[in-house]
Amino acid sequence: MSLAPILLRAQTHVKRGQIDAALKIYKGLLVTFPNHPQINTEVGVLLLHHRPAQEAIKPLEKAVSALPNARELCVCLLVAHQRCGNLKRAREVLAQMYSQGFEPSSLTQFEQELNEPPREDLEALKKMVSQQQWVNAEIAARMMVNDYPASATAQACLSRVLAAETAR
């Protein structure tokens, strides 16, 4: 049996929402074709959307390795690393995307997300400060600076927390 009908069967399962059945087919194919770009792409994208992001990284890395100019595939890998909290690796993927010649204006959103703390983190930190949870606020602010070392926002948050601690 050729590969095309098997891939079509897996894609039909996906369209029907039968993710486990599709993954079973794709993973079976990966036994025979471990570096096949399309199969790794399909598996990686499915895992990214339906399982913990960590599971998607290996197949997405294989797919990107085979198809380094596939922008959406690179974005999926970047997102998988970001969701896993591996911001360093996500930034490396972004740097590779720039070096591959992807349109810089299409990457600015990702650069912003990787270089500035999320609004939810900032709000959580504000709440800790307002509740005078100084130790937790300092830990959170230091972690924020560690995760976003180039962020003036993160640096300012840490400075404010340390100043508030000193003033009390």
C-alpha atoms as a PDB file:
ATOM      1  CA  MET A   1       0.000   0.000   0.000  1.00  0.00           C
ATOM      2  CA  SER A   2       1.332   3.456  -0.875  1.00  0.00           C
ATOM      3  CA  LEU A   3       1.789   6.239   1.648  1.00  0.00           C
ATOM      4  CA  ALA A   4      -0.865   8.590   0.205  1.00  0.00           C
ATOM      5  CA  PRO A   5      -3.961   6.562   1.190  1.00  0.00           C
ATOM      6  CA  ILE A   6      -2.635   6.023   4.698  1.00  0.00           C
ATOM      7  CA  LEU A   7      -1.999   9.745   5.113  1.00  0.00           C
ATOM      8  CA  LEU A   8      -5.478  10.466   3.768  1.00  0.00           C
ATOM      9  CA  ARG A   9      -6.982   8.070   6.310  1.00  0.00           C
ATOM     10  CA  ALA A  10      -5.123   9.809   9.154  1.00  0.00           C
ATOM     11  CA  GLN A  11      -6.213  13.234   7.879  1.00  0.00           C
ATOM     12  CA  THR A  12      -9.820  11.997   7.739  1.00  0.00           C
ATOM     13  CA  HIS A  13      -9.559  10.983  11.385  1.00  0.00           C
ATOM     14  CA  VAL A  14      -8.295  14.469  12.219  1.00  0.00           C
ATOM     15  CA  LYS A  15     -11.216  16.100  10.372  1.00  0.00           C
ATOM     16  CA  ARG A  16     -13.617  13.925  12.366  1.00  0.00           C
ATOM     17  CA  GLY A  17     -11.917  14.914  15.619  1.00  0.00           C
ATOM     18  CA  GLN A  18     -10.514  11.429  16.150  1.00  0.00           C
ATOM     19  CA  ILE A  19      -7.096  12.647  17.224  1.00  0.00           C
ATOM     20  CA  ASP A  20      -5.957   9.458  18.966  1.00  0.00           C
ATOM     21  CA  ALA A  21      -6.770   7.377  15.874  1.00  0.00           C
ATOM     22  CA  ALA A  22      -4.885   9.815  13.631  1.00  0.00           C
ATOM     23  CA  LEU A  23      -1.874   9.875  15.948  1.00  0.00           C
ATOM     24  CA  LYS A  24      -1.811   6.080  16.019  1.00  0.00           C
ATOM     25  CA  ILE A  25      -1.620   5.979  12.215  1.00  0.00           C
ATOM     26  CA  TYR A  26       1.013   8.718  12.014  1.00  0.00           C
ATOM     27  CA  LYS A  27       3.160   7.177  14.741  1.00  0.00           C
ATOM     28  CA  GLY A  28       2.960   3.832  12.976  1.00  0.00           C
ATOM     29  CA  LEU A  29       4.207   5.501   9.813  1.00  0.00           C
ATOM     30  CA  LEU A  30       7.065   7.126  11.703  1.00  0.00           C
ATOM     31  CA  VAL A  31       8.383   3.664  12.560  1.00  0.00           C
ATOM     32  CA  THR A  32       9.016   3.126   8.841  1.00  0.00           C
ATOM     33  CA  PHE A  33       9.638   6.760   7.864  1.00  0.00           C
ATOM     34  CA  PRO A  34      11.179   8.374  10.978  1.00  0.00           C
ATOM     35  CA  ASN A  35      12.398  11.518   9.205  1.00  0.00           C
ATOM     36  CA  HIS A  36       9.536  12.043   6.762  1.00  0.00           C
ATOM     37  CA  PRO A  37       8.829  15.792   6.791  1.00  0.00           C
ATOM     38  CA  GLN A  38       5.088  15.627   6.142  1.00  0.00           C
ATOM     39  CA  ILE A  39       4.448  12.925   8.728  1.00  0.00           C
ATOM     40  CA  ASN A  40       6.545  14.711  11.359  1.00  0.00           C
ATOM     41  CA  THR A  41       4.730  17.946  10.524  1.00  0.00           C
ATOM     42  CA  GLU A  42       1.308  16.338  10.901  1.00  0.00           C
ATOM     43  CA  VAL A  43       2.274  14.658  14.181  1.00  0.00           C
ATOM     44  CA  GLY A  44       3.949  17.768  15.569  1.00  0.00           C
ATOM     45  CA  VAL A  45       1.027  20.065  14.768  1.00  0.00           C
ATOM     46  CA  LEU A  46      -1.507  17.597  16.174  1.00  0.00           C
ATOM     47  CA  LEU A  47       0.481  17.181  19.368  1.00  0.00           C
ATOM     48  CA  LEU A  48       0.952  20.937  19.705  1.00  0.00           C
ATOM     49  CA  HIS A  49      -2.799  21.491  19.537  1.00  0.00           C
ATOM     50  CA  HIS A  50      -4.022  18.458  21.471  1.00  0.00           C
ATOM     51  CA  ARG A  51      -1.312  17.308  23.864  1.00  0.00           C
ATOM     52  CA  PRO A  52       1.319  18.891  26.110  1.00  0.00           C
ATOM     53  CA  ALA A  53       3.602  21.034  23.943  1.00  0.00           C
ATOM     54  CA  GLN A  54       6.672  19.051  25.045  1.00  0.00           C
ATOM     55  CA  GLU A  55       5.425  16.079  23.009  1.00  0.00           C
ATOM     56  CA  ALA A  56       5.358  18.170  19.825  1.00  0.00           C
ATOM     57  CA  ILE A  57       8.958  19.349  19.920  1.00  0.00           C
ATOM     58  CA  LYS A  58      10.783  16.278  18.595  1.00  0.00           C
ATOM     59  CA  PRO A  59       8.619  15.762  15.485  1.00  0.00           C
ATOM     60  CA  LEU A  60       8.531  19.510  14.805  1.00  0.00           C
ATOM     61  CA  GLU A  61      12.331  19.707  15.061  1.00  0.00           C
ATOM     62  CA  LYS A  62      12.646  16.861  12.550  1.00  0.00           C
ATOM     63  CA  ALA A  63      10.197  18.563  10.207  1.00  0.00           C
ATOM     64  CA  VAL A  64      11.934  21.952  10.472  1.00  0.00           C
ATOM     65  CA  SER A  65      15.276  20.278   9.908  1.00  0.00           C
ATOM     66  CA  ALA A  66      13.943  18.852   6.637  1.00  0.00           C
ATOM     67  CA  LEU A  67      11.981  21.983   5.660  1.00  0.00           C
ATOM     68  CA  PRO A  68      13.813  24.975   7.172  1.00  0.00           C
ATOM     69  CA  ASN A  69      12.054  27.471   4.868  1.00  0.00           C
ATOM     70  CA  ALA A  70       8.545  26.472   5.968  1.00  0.00           C
ATOM     71  CA  ARG A  71       7.530  29.543   7.987  1.00  0.00           C
ATOM     72  CA  GLU A  72       4.410  28.103   9.646  1.00  0.00           C
ATOM     73  CA  LEU A  73       6.340  25.027  10.692  1.00  0.00           C
ATOM     74  CA  CYS A  74       9.053  27.163  12.280  1.00  0.00           C
ATOM     75  CA  VAL A  75       6.343  29.149  14.058  1.00  0.00           C
ATOM     76  CA  CYS A  76       4.874  25.914  15.450  1.00  0.00           C
ATOM     77  CA  LEU A  77       8.288  24.915  16.803  1.00  0.00           C
ATOM     78  CA  LEU A  78       8.797  28.357  18.327  1.00  0.00           C
ATOM     79  CA  VAL A  79       5.358  28.183  19.973  1.00  0.00           C
ATOM     80  CA  ALA A  80       6.014  24.677  21.305  1.00  0.00           C
ATOM     81  CA  HIS A  81       9.219  25.834  22.997  1.00  0.00           C
ATOM     82  CA  GLN A  82       7.478  28.940  24.312  1.00  0.00           C
ATOM     83  CA  ARG A  83       4.618  26.903  25.794  1.00  0.00           C
ATOM     84  CA  CYS A  84       7.145  24.628  27.478  1.00  0.00           C
ATOM     85  CA  GLY A  85       8.735  27.663  29.073  1.00  0.00           C
ATOM     86  CA  ASN A  86      11.961  27.185  27.149  1.00  0.00           C
ATOM     87  CA  LEU A  87      12.254  30.822  26.095  1.00  0.00           C
ATOM     88  CA  LYS A  88      15.951  30.482  25.281  1.00  0.00           C
ATOM     89  CA  ARG A  89      15.266  27.792  22.694  1.00  0.00           C
ATOM     90  CA  ALA A  90      12.260  29.713  21.350  1.00  0.00           C
ATOM     91  CA  ARG A  91      14.513  32.755  20.884  1.00  0.00           C
ATOM     92  CA  GLU A  92      17.028  30.559  19.045  1.00  0.00           C
ATOM     93  CA  VAL A  93      14.283  29.393  16.661  1.00  0.00           C
ATOM     94  CA  LEU A  94      13.291  33.021  16.101  1.00  0.00           C
ATOM     95  CA  ALA A  95      16.915  33.954  15.379  1.00  0.00           C
ATOM     96  CA  GLN A  96      17.081  31.107  12.859  1.00  0.00           C
ATOM     97  CA  MET A  97      13.914  32.422  11.231  1.00  0.00           C
ATOM     98  CA  TYR A  98      15.537  35.848  10.835  1.00  0.00           C
ATOM     99  CA  SER A  99      18.682  34.265   9.398  1.00  0.00           C
ATOM    100  CA  GLN A 100      16.578  32.189   6.988  1.00  0.00           C
ATOM    101  CA  GLY A 101      15.324  35.448   5.542  1.00  0.00           C
ATOM    102  CA  PHE A 102      11.738  35.358   6.771  1.00  0.00           C
ATOM    103  CA  GLU A 103      10.021  38.732   6.504  1.00  0.00           C
ATOM    104  CA  PRO A 104      11.085  40.639   9.653  1.00  0.00           C
ATOM    105  CA  SER A 105       7.749  42.435   9.976  1.00  0.00           C
ATOM    106  CA  SER A 106       6.001  39.066  10.244  1.00  0.00           C
ATOM    107  CA  LEU A 107       8.247  38.093  13.161  1.00  0.00           C
ATOM    108  CA  THR A 108       7.883  41.186  15.349  1.00  0.00           C
ATOM    109  CA  GLN A 109       4.897  39.764  17.241  1.00  0.00           C
ATOM    110  CA  PHE A 110       6.921  36.708  18.236  1.00  0.00           C
ATOM    111  CA  GLU A 111       9.898  38.840  19.167  1.00  0.00           C
ATOM    112  CA  GLN A 112       7.660  40.964  21.399  1.00  0.00           C
ATOM    113  CA  GLU A 113       6.187  37.871  23.087  1.00  0.00           C
ATOM    114  CA  LEU A 114       9.623  36.411  23.728  1.00  0.00           C
ATOM    115  CA  ASN A 115      11.189  39.604  25.029  1.00  0.00           C
ATOM    116  CA  GLU A 116       8.483  41.100  27.236  1.00  0.00           C
ATOM    117  CA  PRO A 117       6.702  39.489  30.191  1.00  0.00           C
ATOM    118  CA  PRO A 118       3.068  38.557  29.556  1.00  0.00           C
ATOM    119  CA  ARG A 119       0.404  40.885  30.936  1.00  0.00           C
ATOM    120  CA  GLU A 120      -0.880  38.074  33.198  1.00  0.00           C
ATOM    121  CA  ASP A 121       2.532  37.807  34.867  1.00  0.00           C
ATOM    122  CA  LEU A 122       2.652  41.565  35.410  1.00  0.00           C
ATOM    123  CA  GLU A 123      -0.854  41.557  36.897  1.00  0.00           C
ATOM    124  CA  ALA A 124       0.028  38.665  39.216  1.00  0.00           C
ATOM    125  CA  LEU A 125       3.104  40.552  40.395  1.00  0.00           C
ATOM    126  CA  LYS A 126       1.035  43.711  41.021  1.00  0.00           C
ATOM    127  CA  LYS A 127      -1.383  41.649  43.094  1.00  0.00           C
ATOM    128  CA  MET A 128       1.441  40.230  45.221  1.00  0.00           C
ATOM    129  CA  VAL A 129       2.769  43.735  45.839  1.00  0.00           C
ATOM    130  CA  SER A 130      -0.687  45.094  46.716  1.00  0.00           C
ATOM    131  CA  GLN A 131      -1.109  42.228  49.192  1.00  0.00           C
ATOM    132  CA  GLN A 132       2.378  42.925  50.543  1.00  0.00           C
ATOM    133  CA  GLN A 133       3.595  39.424  49.748  1.00  0.00           C
ATOM    134  CA  TRP A 134       7.141  40.720  49.509  1.00  0.00           C
ATOM    135  CA  VAL A 135       9.033  37.431  49.354  1.00  0.00           C
ATOM    136  CA  ASN A 136       6.759  36.027  46.652  1.00  0.00           C
ATOM    137  CA  ALA A 137       6.858  39.320  44.742  1.00  0.00           C
ATOM    138  CA  GLU A 138      10.650  39.414  44.826  1.00  0.00           C
ATOM    139  CA  ILE A 139      10.909  35.809  43.668  1.00  0.00           C
ATOM    140  CA  ALA A 140       8.422  36.452  40.857  1.00  0.00           C
ATOM    141  CA  ALA A 141      10.203  39.645  39.796  1.00  0.00           C
ATOM    142  CA  ARG A 142      13.601  37.935  39.782  1.00  0.00           C
ATOM    143  CA  MET A 143      12.181  35.052  37.730  1.00  0.00           C
ATOM    144  CA  MET A 144      10.694  37.584  35.323  1.00  0.00           C
ATOM    145  CA  VAL A 145      14.097  39.238  34.865  1.00  0.00           C
ATOM    146  CA  ASN A 146      15.662  35.815  34.370  1.00  0.00           C
ATOM    147  CA  ASP A 147      13.085  34.883  31.709  1.00  0.00           C
ATOM    148  CA  TYR A 148      13.123  38.299  30.004  1.00  0.00           C
ATOM    149  CA  PRO A 149      16.654  39.661  30.559  1.00  0.00           C
ATOM    150  CA  ALA A 150      16.406  42.325  27.842  1.00  0.00           C
ATOM    151  CA  SER A 151      13.090  43.660  29.112  1.00  0.00           C
ATOM    152  CA  ALA A 152      13.095  47.111  30.660  1.00  0.00           C
ATOM    153  CA  THR A 153       9.647  46.269  32.038  1.00  0.00           C
ATOM    154  CA  ALA A 154      10.966  43.232  33.918  1.00  0.00           C
ATOM    155  CA  GLN A 155      13.931  45.206  35.261  1.00  0.00           C
ATOM    156  CA  ALA A 156      11.618  48.019  36.397  1.00  0.00           C
ATOM    157  CA  CYS A 157       9.322  45.550  38.173  1.00  0.00           C
ATOM    158  CA  LEU A 158      12.235  44.101  40.123  1.00  0.00           C
ATOM    159  CA  SER A 159      13.478  47.575  41.033  1.00  0.00           C
ATOM    160  CA  ARG A 160      10.030  48.615  42.280  1.00  0.00           C
ATOM    161  CA  VAL A 161       9.643  45.442  44.356  1.00  0.00           C
ATOM    162  CA  LEU A 162      13.078  45.850  45.912  1.00  0.00           C
ATOM    163  CA  ALA A 163      12.411  49.543  46.636  1.00  0.00           C
ATOM    164  CA  ALA A 164       9.060  48.721  48.226  1.00  0.00           C
ATOM    165  CA  GLU A 165      10.685  46.015  50.360  1.00  0.00           C
ATOM    166  CA  THR A 166      13.386  48.437  51.501  1.00  0.00           C
ATOM    167  CA  ALA A 167      10.834  51.144  52.322  1.00  0.00           C
ATOM    168  CA  ARG A 168       8.761  48.977  54.633  1.00  0.00           C
END
